[in-house]
Amino acid sequence: MVSELSSLIHNLVLDNPVPAKDLAKAIGKPYSTLLREVNPYDAGAKLGAETLLQIMMQTGDAKPLEYMAGKLGYTLVASRGDVPQVTPGAFQASGAAPSVSPAFEEKGSAEKAAMA
């Protein structure tokens, strides 16, 4: 039986503005590996959390995260209305940091300062 989450992730990779081949390159995976990892019918292949995060950042689509939050009884809401503006291609195979909006970066800096 195919899980709803697996199908959601598979569709996200195949049906988004970023072509799957470009998405694979941007996250540093061979195209065939990425397709195997998100194939809901391949019980032997697994998708890591880091790869899923990169997929969501590259596509700008947080549906898998929203789905997981809902299953845990949470509602996913952008903090203070500031939604990170992810630039397609922001993640590169070299491990470069994602590109986010300045408001999001400032919030992260303020939180780090409060924790210090």
C-alpha atoms as a PDB file:
ATOM      1  CA  MET A   1       0.000   0.000   0.000  1.00  0.00           C
ATOM      2  CA  VAL A   2       1.319   3.425  -0.954  1.00  0.00           C
ATOM      3  CA  SER A   3       1.230   6.048   1.769  1.00  0.00           C
ATOM      4  CA  GLU A   4      -0.331   9.430   1.182  1.00  0.00           C
ATOM      5  CA  LEU A   5       2.937  11.143   2.151  1.00  0.00           C
ATOM      6  CA  SER A   6       4.961   9.071  -0.321  1.00  0.00           C
ATOM      7  CA  SER A   7       2.561   9.919  -3.125  1.00  0.00           C
ATOM      8  CA  LEU A   8       2.593  13.596  -2.154  1.00  0.00           C
ATOM      9  CA  ILE A   9       6.404  13.747  -2.287  1.00  0.00           C
ATOM     10  CA  HIS A  10       6.544  11.796  -5.554  1.00  0.00           C
ATOM     11  CA  ASN A  11       4.076  14.198  -7.161  1.00  0.00           C
ATOM     12  CA  LEU A  12       5.967  17.186  -5.771  1.00  0.00           C
ATOM     13  CA  VAL A  13       9.173  16.059  -7.492  1.00  0.00           C
ATOM     14  CA  LEU A  14       7.493  15.272 -10.804  1.00  0.00           C
ATOM     15  CA  ASP A  15       4.846  18.023 -10.981  1.00  0.00           C
ATOM     16  CA  ASN A  16       6.415  21.321  -9.978  1.00  0.00           C
ATOM     17  CA  PRO A  17       7.892  24.330 -11.800  1.00  0.00           C
ATOM     18  CA  VAL A  18      11.437  22.966 -11.345  1.00  0.00           C
ATOM     19  CA  PRO A  19      12.003  20.037 -13.753  1.00  0.00           C
ATOM     20  CA  ALA A  20      12.967  16.839 -11.922  1.00  0.00           C
ATOM     21  CA  LYS A  21      16.356  16.661 -13.685  1.00  0.00           C
ATOM     22  CA  ASP A  22      17.189  20.223 -12.607  1.00  0.00           C
ATOM     23  CA  LEU A  23      15.918  19.504  -9.100  1.00  0.00           C
ATOM     24  CA  ALA A  24      18.171  16.439  -8.840  1.00  0.00           C
ATOM     25  CA  LYS A  25      21.173  18.441  -9.991  1.00  0.00           C
ATOM     26  CA  ALA A  26      20.417  21.295  -7.582  1.00  0.00           C
ATOM     27  CA  ILE A  27      20.307  18.952  -4.584  1.00  0.00           C
ATOM     28  CA  GLY A  28      23.372  17.016  -5.681  1.00  0.00           C
ATOM     29  CA  LYS A  29      21.790  13.689  -6.548  1.00  0.00           C
ATOM     30  CA  PRO A  30      21.795  11.728  -9.760  1.00  0.00           C
ATOM     31  CA  TYR A  31      18.394  11.976 -11.448  1.00  0.00           C
ATOM     32  CA  SER A  32      17.825   8.214 -11.272  1.00  0.00           C
ATOM     33  CA  THR A  33      18.667   8.159  -7.550  1.00  0.00           C
ATOM     34  CA  LEU A  34      16.229  10.959  -6.759  1.00  0.00           C
ATOM     35  CA  LEU A  35      13.453   9.259  -8.715  1.00  0.00           C
ATOM     36  CA  ARG A  36      14.121   5.977  -6.930  1.00  0.00           C
ATOM     37  CA  GLU A  37      14.124   7.650  -3.500  1.00  0.00           C
ATOM     38  CA  VAL A  38      10.735   9.272  -4.121  1.00  0.00           C
ATOM     39  CA  ASN A  39       9.163   6.288  -5.897  1.00  0.00           C
ATOM     40  CA  PRO A  40       6.219   5.286  -3.668  1.00  0.00           C
ATOM     41  CA  TYR A  41       6.264   1.755  -5.108  1.00  0.00           C
ATOM     42  CA  ASP A  42       9.914   1.013  -4.278  1.00  0.00           C
ATOM     43  CA  ALA A  43       9.875  -0.330  -0.729  1.00  0.00           C
ATOM     44  CA  GLY A  44      13.662  -0.681  -0.717  1.00  0.00           C
ATOM     45  CA  ALA A  45      14.412   2.982  -1.377  1.00  0.00           C
ATOM     46  CA  LYS A  46      14.271   5.607   1.343  1.00  0.00           C
ATOM     47  CA  LEU A  47      14.170   9.389   1.232  1.00  0.00           C
ATOM     48  CA  GLY A  48      16.204  11.188   3.864  1.00  0.00           C
ATOM     49  CA  ALA A  49      14.932  14.188   5.819  1.00  0.00           C
ATOM     50  CA  GLU A  50      17.732  16.406   4.496  1.00  0.00           C
ATOM     51  CA  THR A  51      16.847  15.526   0.909  1.00  0.00           C
ATOM     52  CA  LEU A  52      13.168  16.199   1.573  1.00  0.00           C
ATOM     53  CA  LEU A  53      14.073  19.597   3.029  1.00  0.00           C
ATOM     54  CA  GLN A  54      16.136  20.421  -0.051  1.00  0.00           C
ATOM     55  CA  ILE A  55      13.264  19.342  -2.322  1.00  0.00           C
ATOM     56  CA  MET A  56      10.846  21.626  -0.484  1.00  0.00           C
ATOM     57  CA  MET A  57      13.304  24.524  -0.557  1.00  0.00           C
ATOM     58  CA  GLN A  58      14.009  24.106  -4.256  1.00  0.00           C
ATOM     59  CA  THR A  59      10.361  23.837  -5.241  1.00  0.00           C
ATOM     60  CA  GLY A  60       9.079  26.363  -2.697  1.00  0.00           C
ATOM     61  CA  ASP A  61       6.402  23.813  -1.784  1.00  0.00           C
ATOM     62  CA  ALA A  62       5.904  22.837   1.873  1.00  0.00           C
ATOM     63  CA  LYS A  63       2.993  20.427   1.333  1.00  0.00           C
ATOM     64  CA  PRO A  64       4.900  17.444   2.773  1.00  0.00           C
ATOM     65  CA  LEU A  65       5.696  19.459   5.912  1.00  0.00           C
ATOM     66  CA  GLU A  66       2.074  20.641   6.165  1.00  0.00           C
ATOM     67  CA  TYR A  67       0.908  17.030   5.812  1.00  0.00           C
ATOM     68  CA  MET A  68       3.260  15.798   8.557  1.00  0.00           C
ATOM     69  CA  ALA A  69       2.298  18.649  10.884  1.00  0.00           C
ATOM     70  CA  GLY A  70      -1.383  17.857  10.359  1.00  0.00           C
ATOM     71  CA  LYS A  71      -0.831  14.173  11.151  1.00  0.00           C
ATOM     72  CA  LEU A  72       0.781  15.216  14.436  1.00  0.00           C
ATOM     73  CA  GLY A  73      -2.106  17.511  15.291  1.00  0.00           C
ATOM     74  CA  TYR A  74      -0.374  20.762  14.380  1.00  0.00           C
ATOM     75  CA  THR A  75      -1.122  23.497  11.905  1.00  0.00           C
ATOM     76  CA  LEU A  76       1.790  24.902   9.971  1.00  0.00           C
ATOM     77  CA  VAL A  77       1.740  28.696   9.970  1.00  0.00           C
ATOM     78  CA  ALA A  78       4.434  31.070   8.736  1.00  0.00           C
ATOM     79  CA  SER A  79       5.971  32.974  11.613  1.00  0.00           C
ATOM     80  CA  ARG A  80       4.737  36.574  11.787  1.00  0.00           C
ATOM     81  CA  GLY A  81       3.531  36.257   8.229  1.00  0.00           C
ATOM     82  CA  ASP A  82       7.139  36.186   6.999  1.00  0.00           C
ATOM     83  CA  VAL A  83       7.416  33.377   4.517  1.00  0.00           C
ATOM     84  CA  PRO A  84      10.923  32.495   3.358  1.00  0.00           C
ATOM     85  CA  GLN A  85      11.309  33.426  -0.285  1.00  0.00           C
ATOM     86  CA  VAL A  86      13.168  30.490  -1.731  1.00  0.00           C
ATOM     87  CA  THR A  87      14.897  31.074  -5.010  1.00  0.00           C
ATOM     88  CA  PRO A  88      14.726  28.030  -7.294  1.00  0.00           C
ATOM     89  CA  GLY A  89      18.286  26.818  -7.626  1.00  0.00           C
ATOM     90  CA  ALA A  90      19.269  28.304  -4.252  1.00  0.00           C
ATOM     91  CA  PHE A  91      20.637  24.962  -3.098  1.00  0.00           C
ATOM     92  CA  GLN A  92      23.583  23.823  -5.145  1.00  0.00           C
ATOM     93  CA  ALA A  93      25.411  20.527  -5.041  1.00  0.00           C
ATOM     94  CA  SER A  94      28.324  22.340  -3.403  1.00  0.00           C
ATOM     95  CA  GLY A  95      26.257  22.654  -0.219  1.00  0.00           C
ATOM     96  CA  ALA A  96      25.657  26.387  -0.509  1.00  0.00           C
ATOM     97  CA  ALA A  97      23.186  27.861   1.939  1.00  0.00           C
ATOM     98  CA  PRO A  98      19.667  28.477   0.707  1.00  0.00           C
ATOM     99  CA  SER A  99      18.608  31.942  -0.329  1.00  0.00           C
ATOM    100  CA  VAL A 100      15.862  33.337   1.922  1.00  0.00           C
ATOM    101  CA  SER A 101      14.225  36.677   2.386  1.00  0.00           C
ATOM    102  CA  PRO A 102      16.030  39.259   4.581  1.00  0.00           C
ATOM    103  CA  ALA A 103      13.074  39.326   6.998  1.00  0.00           C
ATOM    104  CA  PHE A 104      13.452  35.616   7.609  1.00  0.00           C
ATOM    105  CA  GLU A 105      17.222  35.961   8.132  1.00  0.00           C
ATOM    106  CA  GLU A 106      16.706  38.819  10.615  1.00  0.00           C
ATOM    107  CA  LYS A 107      14.234  36.748  12.603  1.00  0.00           C
ATOM    108  CA  GLY A 108      16.711  33.879  12.785  1.00  0.00           C
ATOM    109  CA  SER A 109      19.435  36.241  13.983  1.00  0.00           C
ATOM    110  CA  ALA A 110      17.183  37.683  16.667  1.00  0.00           C
ATOM    111  CA  GLU A 111      16.288  34.204  17.898  1.00  0.00           C
ATOM    112  CA  LYS A 112      19.970  33.222  18.062  1.00  0.00           C
ATOM    113  CA  ALA A 113      20.790  36.395  20.029  1.00  0.00           C
ATOM    114  CA  ALA A 114      17.923  35.683  22.458  1.00  0.00           C
ATOM    115  CA  MET A 115      19.256  32.185  23.058  1.00  0.00           C
ATOM    116  CA  ALA A 116      22.786  33.436  23.844  1.00  0.00           C
END
